[in-house]
């Protein structure tokens, strides 16, 4: 069960960082994205990244 949790945690952090970048306008990719310069998506990304950090930490602490 450790590997799936670790994978999910890392993917959550990466997607969360992408959402933060798009929501703040730092990552204007893809150009047609509705999330660019929309601050709610930066907040959703921060929440998802925090969940991902928690999942990753939990997975790494398991024997």
N, C-alpha and C. Protein backbone atom coordinates (compact mmCIF):
# COMPACT_ATOMS: atom_id res chain seq x y z
N UNK A 1 0.82 -1.20 0.00
CA UNK A 1 0.00 0.00 0.00
C UNK A 1 0.86 1.26 0.00
N UNK A 2 2.15 1.11 0.30
CA UNK A 2 3.02 2.26 0.39
C UNK A 2 3.24 2.92 -0.98
N UNK A 3 3.52 2.12 -2.00
CA UNK A 3 3.83 2.67 -3.33
C UNK A 3 2.65 3.45 -3.93
N UNK A 4 1.41 2.94 -3.87
CA UNK A 4 0.30 3.74 -4.42
C UNK A 4 0.09 5.06 -3.69
N UNK A 5 0.23 5.04 -2.36
CA UNK A 5 0.07 6.29 -1.60
C UNK A 5 1.17 7.28 -1.94
N UNK A 6 2.38 6.79 -2.07
CA UNK A 6 3.49 7.66 -2.42
C UNK A 6 3.31 8.26 -3.82
N UNK A 7 2.88 7.43 -4.75
CA UNK A 7 2.64 7.90 -6.12
C UNK A 7 1.53 8.95 -6.14
N UNK A 8 0.44 8.66 -5.44
CA UNK A 8 -0.68 9.61 -5.39
C UNK A 8 -0.26 10.91 -4.72
N UNK A 9 0.54 10.82 -3.67
CA UNK A 9 1.00 12.02 -2.99
C UNK A 9 1.88 12.89 -3.87
N UNK A 10 2.82 12.27 -4.57
CA UNK A 10 3.71 13.03 -5.45
C UNK A 10 2.93 13.65 -6.60
N UNK A 11 2.02 12.90 -7.20
CA UNK A 11 1.20 13.45 -8.29
C UNK A 11 0.33 14.61 -7.80
N UNK A 12 -0.20 14.48 -6.60
CA UNK A 12 -1.02 15.56 -6.03
C UNK A 12 -0.20 16.83 -5.84
N UNK A 13 1.02 16.69 -5.36
CA UNK A 13 1.89 17.86 -5.18
C UNK A 13 2.18 18.51 -6.53
N UNK A 14 2.52 17.70 -7.52
CA UNK A 14 2.85 18.26 -8.84
C UNK A 14 1.66 18.95 -9.49
N UNK A 15 0.49 18.33 -9.44
CA UNK A 15 -0.71 18.94 -10.02
C UNK A 15 -1.08 20.20 -9.24
N UNK A 16 -0.96 20.14 -7.93
CA UNK A 16 -1.24 21.31 -7.11
C UNK A 16 -0.34 22.48 -7.45
N UNK A 17 0.95 22.21 -7.66
CA UNK A 17 1.87 23.28 -8.05
C UNK A 17 1.52 23.84 -9.43
N UNK A 18 1.10 22.98 -10.34
CA UNK A 18 0.67 23.46 -11.65
C UNK A 18 -0.54 24.37 -11.52
N UNK A 19 -1.51 23.96 -10.71
CA UNK A 19 -2.70 24.78 -10.50
C UNK A 19 -2.36 26.12 -9.86
N UNK A 20 -1.43 26.12 -8.92
CA UNK A 20 -1.00 27.37 -8.31
C UNK A 20 -0.38 28.28 -9.37
N UNK A 21 0.48 27.70 -10.20
CA UNK A 21 1.12 28.49 -11.26
C UNK A 21 0.12 29.04 -12.26
N UNK A 22 -0.85 28.24 -12.64
CA UNK A 22 -1.85 28.72 -13.58
C UNK A 22 -2.76 29.75 -12.93
N UNK A 23 -3.17 29.50 -11.71
CA UNK A 23 -4.08 30.43 -11.03
C UNK A 23 -3.47 31.80 -10.80
N UNK A 24 -2.17 31.82 -10.55
CA UNK A 24 -1.50 33.11 -10.34
C UNK A 24 -1.01 33.74 -11.65
N UNK A 25 -1.08 32.99 -12.73
CA UNK A 25 -0.65 33.51 -14.02
C UNK A 25 0.83 33.30 -14.30
N UNK A 26 1.53 32.60 -13.42
CA UNK A 26 2.96 32.36 -13.64
C UNK A 26 3.21 31.28 -14.70
N UNK A 27 2.25 30.39 -14.87
CA UNK A 27 2.38 29.31 -15.85
C UNK A 27 1.21 29.42 -16.83
N UNK A 28 1.37 30.18 -17.91
CA UNK A 28 0.28 30.34 -18.88
C UNK A 28 0.24 29.19 -19.89
N UNK A 29 0.17 27.98 -19.39
CA UNK A 29 0.15 26.81 -20.26
C UNK A 29 -0.97 25.89 -19.82
N UNK A 30 -1.75 25.35 -20.68
CA UNK A 30 -1.89 25.71 -22.09
C UNK A 30 -2.60 27.06 -22.23
N UNK A 31 -2.34 27.71 -23.31
CA UNK A 31 -2.85 29.08 -23.48
C UNK A 31 -4.37 29.17 -23.42
N UNK A 32 -5.05 28.10 -23.78
CA UNK A 32 -6.51 28.12 -23.80
C UNK A 32 -7.12 27.71 -22.46
N UNK A 33 -6.32 27.56 -21.42
CA UNK A 33 -6.82 27.10 -20.13
C UNK A 33 -7.70 28.17 -19.47
N UNK A 34 -8.80 27.73 -18.91
CA UNK A 34 -9.70 28.64 -18.21
C UNK A 34 -9.19 28.98 -16.81
N UNK A 35 -8.13 28.33 -16.37
CA UNK A 35 -7.63 28.51 -15.01
C UNK A 35 -6.59 29.63 -14.90
N UNK A 36 -6.11 30.15 -16.01
CA UNK A 36 -5.06 31.15 -15.99
C UNK A 36 -5.58 32.47 -15.40
N UNK A 37 -4.83 33.01 -14.44
CA UNK A 37 -5.17 34.25 -13.74
C UNK A 37 -6.49 34.18 -13.00
N UNK A 38 -6.83 33.01 -12.49
CA UNK A 38 -8.03 32.82 -11.68
C UNK A 38 -7.59 32.35 -10.29
N UNK A 39 -7.55 33.26 -9.34
CA UNK A 39 -7.01 32.97 -8.02
C UNK A 39 -7.67 31.80 -7.29
N UNK A 40 -8.95 31.52 -7.48
CA UNK A 40 -9.49 30.34 -6.80
C UNK A 40 -8.72 29.07 -7.14
N UNK A 41 -8.21 28.96 -8.35
CA UNK A 41 -7.44 27.78 -8.73
C UNK A 41 -6.10 27.71 -8.02
N UNK A 42 -5.55 28.86 -7.69
CA UNK A 42 -4.31 28.86 -6.90
C UNK A 42 -4.60 28.33 -5.49
N UNK A 43 -5.74 28.68 -4.93
CA UNK A 43 -6.11 28.18 -3.60
C UNK A 43 -6.40 26.68 -3.65
N UNK A 44 -7.10 26.23 -4.69
CA UNK A 44 -7.37 24.79 -4.84
C UNK A 44 -6.04 24.03 -4.99
N UNK A 45 -5.12 24.62 -5.74
CA UNK A 45 -3.82 24.00 -5.92
C UNK A 45 -3.04 23.91 -4.63
N UNK A 46 -3.11 24.95 -3.82
CA UNK A 46 -2.41 24.93 -2.53
C UNK A 46 -3.00 23.84 -1.63
N UNK A 47 -4.31 23.70 -1.64
CA UNK A 47 -4.94 22.65 -0.84
C UNK A 47 -4.55 21.27 -1.34
N UNK A 48 -4.56 21.08 -2.65
CA UNK A 48 -4.18 19.79 -3.21
C UNK A 48 -2.72 19.47 -2.93
N UNK A 49 -1.84 20.45 -3.04
CA UNK A 49 -0.43 20.23 -2.75
C UNK A 49 -0.23 19.88 -1.28
N UNK A 50 -0.98 20.52 -0.39
CA UNK A 50 -0.87 20.21 1.04
C UNK A 50 -1.33 18.78 1.32
N UNK A 51 -2.41 18.37 0.68
CA UNK A 51 -2.87 16.98 0.82
C UNK A 51 -1.81 16.03 0.29
N UNK A 52 -1.20 16.39 -0.83
CA UNK A 52 -0.15 15.56 -1.40
C UNK A 52 1.06 15.43 -0.50
N UNK A 53 1.43 16.51 0.15
CA UNK A 53 2.55 16.46 1.10
C UNK A 53 2.19 15.54 2.27
N UNK A 54 0.96 15.64 2.73
CA UNK A 54 0.52 14.78 3.82
C UNK A 54 0.52 13.31 3.42
N UNK A 55 0.01 13.00 2.24
CA UNK A 55 0.02 11.62 1.75
C UNK A 55 1.43 11.09 1.58
N UNK A 56 2.30 11.92 1.04
CA UNK A 56 3.69 11.50 0.84
C UNK A 56 4.37 11.24 2.19
N UNK A 57 4.16 12.12 3.13
CA UNK A 57 4.74 11.92 4.46
C UNK A 57 4.19 10.67 5.14
N UNK A 58 2.90 10.45 4.99
CA UNK A 58 2.28 9.26 5.57
C UNK A 58 2.84 8.00 4.93
N UNK A 59 2.97 8.01 3.61
CA UNK A 59 3.49 6.83 2.90
C UNK A 59 4.93 6.55 3.29
N UNK A 60 5.73 7.58 3.47
CA UNK A 60 7.13 7.38 3.82
C UNK A 60 7.31 6.95 5.28
N UNK A 61 6.35 7.26 6.13
CA UNK A 61 6.47 6.89 7.54
C UNK A 61 6.00 5.48 7.81
N UNK A 62 5.34 4.87 6.83
CA UNK A 62 4.85 3.50 7.02
C UNK A 62 6.01 2.52 6.83
N UNK A 63 6.00 1.45 7.63
CA UNK A 63 7.09 0.44 7.49
C UNK A 63 6.97 -0.38 6.23
